[in-house]
C-alpha atoms as a PDB file:
ATOM      1  CA  UNK A   1      55.170   0.569  33.974  1.00  0.00           C
ATOM      2  CA  UNK A   2      53.008   2.364  30.489  1.00  0.00           C
ATOM      3  CA  UNK A   3      49.751   4.634  31.623  1.00  0.00           C
ATOM      4  CA  UNK A   4      47.339   2.480  31.717  1.00  0.00           C
ATOM      5  CA  UNK A   5      48.873  -0.006  33.893  1.00  0.00           C
ATOM      6  CA  UNK A   6      49.454   3.070  36.491  1.00  0.00           C
ATOM      7  CA  UNK A   7      45.913   4.597  36.450  1.00  0.00           C
ATOM      8  CA  UNK A   8      44.640   1.044  37.281  1.00  0.00           C
ATOM      9  CA  UNK A   9      42.406   0.415  33.914  1.00  0.00           C
ATOM     10  CA  UNK A  10      44.994  -2.063  31.307  1.00  0.00           C
ATOM     11  CA  UNK A  11      45.550  -5.780  31.445  1.00  0.00           C
ATOM     12  CA  UNK A  12      46.440  -5.764  35.421  1.00  0.00           C
ATOM     13  CA  UNK A  13      42.720  -4.929  36.444  1.00  0.00           C
ATOM     14  CA  UNK A  14      41.385  -7.526  34.031  1.00  0.00           C
ATOM     15  CA  UNK A  15      41.309 -10.365  36.513  1.00  0.00           C
ATOM     16  CA  UNK A  16      40.262  -8.178  39.145  1.00  0.00           C
ATOM     17  CA  UNK A  17      37.318  -7.267  36.822  1.00  0.00           C
ATOM     18  CA  UNK A  18      36.448 -10.209  35.673  1.00  0.00           C
ATOM     19  CA  UNK A  19      35.665 -11.487  38.964  1.00  0.00           C
ATOM     20  CA  UNK A  20      33.711  -9.404  39.803  1.00  0.00           C
ATOM     21  CA  UNK A  21      32.115 -10.049  36.834  1.00  0.00           C
ATOM     22  CA  UNK A  22      31.472 -14.188  37.873  1.00  0.00           C
ATOM     23  CA  UNK A  23      30.786 -13.400  41.869  1.00  0.00           C
ATOM     24  CA  UNK A  24      27.438 -10.967  40.881  1.00  0.00           C
ATOM     25  CA  UNK A  25      26.484 -13.069  38.136  1.00  0.00           C
ATOM     26  CA  UNK A  26      26.943 -16.677  40.542  1.00  0.00           C
ATOM     27  CA  UNK A  27      25.043 -15.257  42.922  1.00  0.00           C
ATOM     28  CA  UNK A  28      22.218 -13.431  40.510  1.00  0.00           C
ATOM     29  CA  UNK A  29      22.069 -17.569  38.881  1.00  0.00           C
ATOM     30  CA  UNK A  30      22.002 -18.391  42.772  1.00  0.00           C
ATOM     31  CA  UNK A  31      19.698 -16.073  44.413  1.00  0.00           C
ATOM     32  CA  UNK A  32      16.945 -17.052  40.879  1.00  0.00           C
ATOM     33  CA  UNK A  33      17.578 -20.471  41.200  1.00  0.00           C
ATOM     34  CA  UNK A  34      16.324 -20.712  45.356  1.00  0.00           C
ATOM     35  CA  UNK A  35      13.601 -18.701  44.239  1.00  0.00           C
ATOM     36  CA  UNK A  36      12.498 -21.229  41.937  1.00  0.00           C
ATOM     37  CA  UNK A  37      13.072 -24.325  44.474  1.00  0.00           C
ATOM     38  CA  UNK A  38      10.377 -22.790  46.099  1.00  0.00           C
ATOM     39  CA  UNK A  39       8.280 -21.665  43.446  1.00  0.00           C
ATOM     40  CA  UNK A  40       9.361 -23.238  40.482  1.00  0.00           C
ATOM     41  CA  UNK A  41       5.598 -24.266  38.649  1.00  0.00           C
ATOM     42  CA  UNK A  42       4.271 -22.284  35.435  1.00  0.00           C
ATOM     43  CA  UNK A  43       1.697 -22.907  33.095  1.00  0.00           C
ATOM     44  CA  UNK A  44       2.124 -23.501  29.129  1.00  0.00           C
ATOM     45  CA  UNK A  45      -0.037 -22.576  26.761  1.00  0.00           C
ATOM     46  CA  UNK A  46      -0.375 -24.387  24.537  1.00  0.00           C
ATOM     47  CA  UNK A  47      -3.024 -24.749  21.569  1.00  0.00           C
ATOM     48  CA  UNK A  48      -3.948 -28.411  23.143  1.00  0.00           C
ATOM     49  CA  UNK A  49      -4.379 -26.762  26.714  1.00  0.00           C
ATOM     50  CA  UNK A  50      -2.425 -25.036  29.496  1.00  0.00           C
ATOM     51  CA  UNK A  51       0.303 -27.674  30.989  1.00  0.00           C
ATOM     52  CA  UNK A  52       2.060 -27.240  34.398  1.00  0.00           C
ATOM     53  CA  UNK A  53       5.422 -27.790  34.416  1.00  0.00           C
ATOM     54  CA  UNK A  54       7.653 -28.688  37.420  1.00  0.00           C
ATOM     55  CA  UNK A  55      11.465 -26.939  37.487  1.00  0.00           C
ATOM     56  CA  UNK A  56      12.190 -27.934  40.643  1.00  0.00           C
ATOM     57  CA  UNK A  57      15.420 -30.795  39.149  1.00  0.00           C
ATOM     58  CA  UNK A  58      16.206 -27.892  36.850  1.00  0.00           C
ATOM     59  CA  UNK A  59      16.900 -25.227  39.566  1.00  0.00           C
ATOM     60  CA  UNK A  60      18.913 -27.364  41.808  1.00  0.00           C
ATOM     61  CA  UNK A  61      21.299 -27.640  39.159  1.00  0.00           C
ATOM     62  CA  UNK A  62      21.047 -23.929  38.625  1.00  0.00           C
ATOM     63  CA  UNK A  63      21.809 -23.337  42.263  1.00  0.00           C
ATOM     64  CA  UNK A  64      24.836 -25.331  42.717  1.00  0.00           C
ATOM     65  CA  UNK A  65      26.481 -23.909  39.022  1.00  0.00           C
ATOM     66  CA  UNK A  66      25.411 -20.372  40.388  1.00  0.00           C
ATOM     67  CA  UNK A  67      27.702 -21.456  43.906  1.00  0.00           C
ATOM     68  CA  UNK A  68      30.874 -22.438  41.912  1.00  0.00           C
ATOM     69  CA  UNK A  69      30.311 -19.771  39.263  1.00  0.00           C
ATOM     70  CA  UNK A  70      31.012 -17.328  42.988  1.00  0.00           C
ATOM     71  CA  UNK A  71      33.132 -19.589  44.565  1.00  0.00           C
ATOM     72  CA  UNK A  72      35.362 -19.608  40.589  1.00  0.00           C
ATOM     73  CA  UNK A  73      34.717 -15.423  40.965  1.00  0.00           C
ATOM     74  CA  UNK A  74      36.566 -15.965  44.483  1.00  0.00           C
ATOM     75  CA  UNK A  75      38.920 -17.992  42.920  1.00  0.00           C
ATOM     76  CA  UNK A  76      40.472 -15.639  40.648  1.00  0.00           C
ATOM     77  CA  UNK A  77      40.624 -13.152  43.005  1.00  0.00           C
ATOM     78  CA  UNK A  78      43.437 -15.034  44.454  1.00  0.00           C
ATOM     79  CA  UNK A  79      45.087 -14.465  41.374  1.00  0.00           C
ATOM     80  CA  UNK A  80      46.435 -18.585  41.175  1.00  0.00           C
ATOM     81  CA  UNK A  81      47.421 -19.789  38.104  1.00  0.00           C
ATOM     82  CA  UNK A  82      44.574 -23.160  38.146  1.00  0.00           C
ATOM     83  CA  UNK A  83      41.427 -20.657  38.911  1.00  0.00           C
ATOM     84  CA  UNK A  84      41.312 -19.404  35.432  1.00  0.00           C
ATOM     85  CA  UNK A  85      40.739 -22.817  33.903  1.00  0.00           C
ATOM     86  CA  UNK A  86      38.090 -23.609  37.115  1.00  0.00           C
ATOM     87  CA  UNK A  87      36.715 -20.462  36.304  1.00  0.00           C
ATOM     88  CA  UNK A  88      36.493 -21.807  32.631  1.00  0.00           C
ATOM     89  CA  UNK A  89      34.583 -24.815  34.090  1.00  0.00           C
ATOM     90  CA  UNK A  90      32.374 -23.820  36.171  1.00  0.00           C
ATOM     91  CA  UNK A  91      31.214 -21.179  33.735  1.00  0.00           C
ATOM     92  CA  UNK A  92      30.573 -22.881  30.727  1.00  0.00           C
ATOM     93  CA  UNK A  93      27.867 -25.139  32.513  1.00  0.00           C
ATOM     94  CA  UNK A  94      26.315 -22.402  34.168  1.00  0.00           C
ATOM     95  CA  UNK A  95      25.967 -20.856  30.577  1.00  0.00           C
ATOM     96  CA  UNK A  96      24.494 -24.165  29.632  1.00  0.00           C
ATOM     97  CA  UNK A  97      21.949 -24.212  32.140  1.00  0.00           C
ATOM     98  CA  UNK A  98      20.884 -20.685  31.610  1.00  0.00           C
ATOM     99  CA  UNK A  99      20.243 -21.065  28.159  1.00  0.00           C
ATOM    100  CA  UNK A 100      18.373 -23.805  28.671  1.00  0.00           C
ATOM    101  CA  UNK A 101      15.825 -21.771  31.058  1.00  0.00           C
ATOM    102  CA  UNK A 102      15.711 -18.951  28.736  1.00  0.00           C
ATOM    103  CA  UNK A 103      11.864 -19.168  28.437  1.00  0.00           C
ATOM    104  CA  UNK A 104      11.040 -19.344  31.868  1.00  0.00           C
ATOM    105  CA  UNK A 105      13.495 -15.983  32.525  1.00  0.00           C
ATOM    106  CA  UNK A 106      14.859 -14.816  29.262  1.00  0.00           C
ATOM    107  CA  UNK A 107      15.913 -11.270  30.911  1.00  0.00           C
ATOM    108  CA  UNK A 108      18.125 -12.880  33.868  1.00  0.00           C
ATOM    109  CA  UNK A 109      19.138 -15.253  31.765  1.00  0.00           C
ATOM    110  CA  UNK A 110      20.481 -12.674  29.013  1.00  0.00           C
ATOM    111  CA  UNK A 111      22.199 -10.600  31.389  1.00  0.00           C
ATOM    112  CA  UNK A 112      23.707 -13.362  33.300  1.00  0.00           C
ATOM    113  CA  UNK A 113      24.578 -15.014  30.031  1.00  0.00           C
ATOM    114  CA  UNK A 114      26.506 -11.260  28.962  1.00  0.00           C
ATOM    115  CA  UNK A 115      28.624 -11.202  32.178  1.00  0.00           C
ATOM    116  CA  UNK A 116      29.914 -14.725  32.385  1.00  0.00           C
ATOM    117  CA  UNK A 117      30.755 -14.043  28.651  1.00  0.00           C
ATOM    118  CA  UNK A 118      32.442 -10.648  29.335  1.00  0.00           C
ATOM    119  CA  UNK A 119      33.925 -12.866  32.392  1.00  0.00           C
ATOM    120  CA  UNK A 120      35.293 -15.486  30.174  1.00  0.00           C
ATOM    121  CA  UNK A 121      36.848 -13.145  27.504  1.00  0.00           C
ATOM    122  CA  UNK A 122      38.062 -11.131  30.231  1.00  0.00           C
ATOM    123  CA  UNK A 123      39.827 -14.292  31.865  1.00  0.00           C
ATOM    124  CA  UNK A 124      41.264 -15.081  27.929  1.00  0.00           C
ATOM    125  CA  UNK A 125      42.607 -12.507  26.697  1.00  0.00           C
ATOM    126  CA  UNK A 126      44.628 -11.568  30.325  1.00  0.00           C
ATOM    127  CA  UNK A 127      46.138 -15.654  30.636  1.00  0.00           C
ATOM    128  CA  UNK A 128      47.172 -15.460  26.652  1.00  0.00           C
ATOM    129  CA  UNK A 129      48.696 -11.819  27.445  1.00  0.00           C
ATOM    130  CA  UNK A 130      50.778 -13.569  30.806  1.00  0.00           C
ATOM    131  CA  UNK A 131      51.403 -16.303  28.647  1.00  0.00           C
ATOM    132  CA  UNK A 132      52.838 -14.332  26.028  1.00  0.00           C
ATOM    133  CA  UNK A 133      55.507 -12.422  28.862  1.00  0.00           C
END
């Protein structure tokens, strides 16, 4: 055991950090999506006039992927082999939905996509290191 693993900062801690990032990102997605299910109307001003856009359907999809990412983060905590592929399958649609809703909540979308991306990178590095052993 090297010094980084004894201090808890090495490869052994990657899944724990990834699980925390996934759970945080999923909670942010779920809470913001819940708010958009109640008040999901936006006014869009164009050269032709002002239009109201209702994001109710997208908000429910966003809520579903947010809950899925939270569950995937909790599954990663269990340390099961199937948790990493499940996390990838849950996070990739969440990133797509966040990017599609970027014009309506850009700051939240950037933060959540960054958290999800960092978690995916940590999981991929951990999975690759575990296969190399």
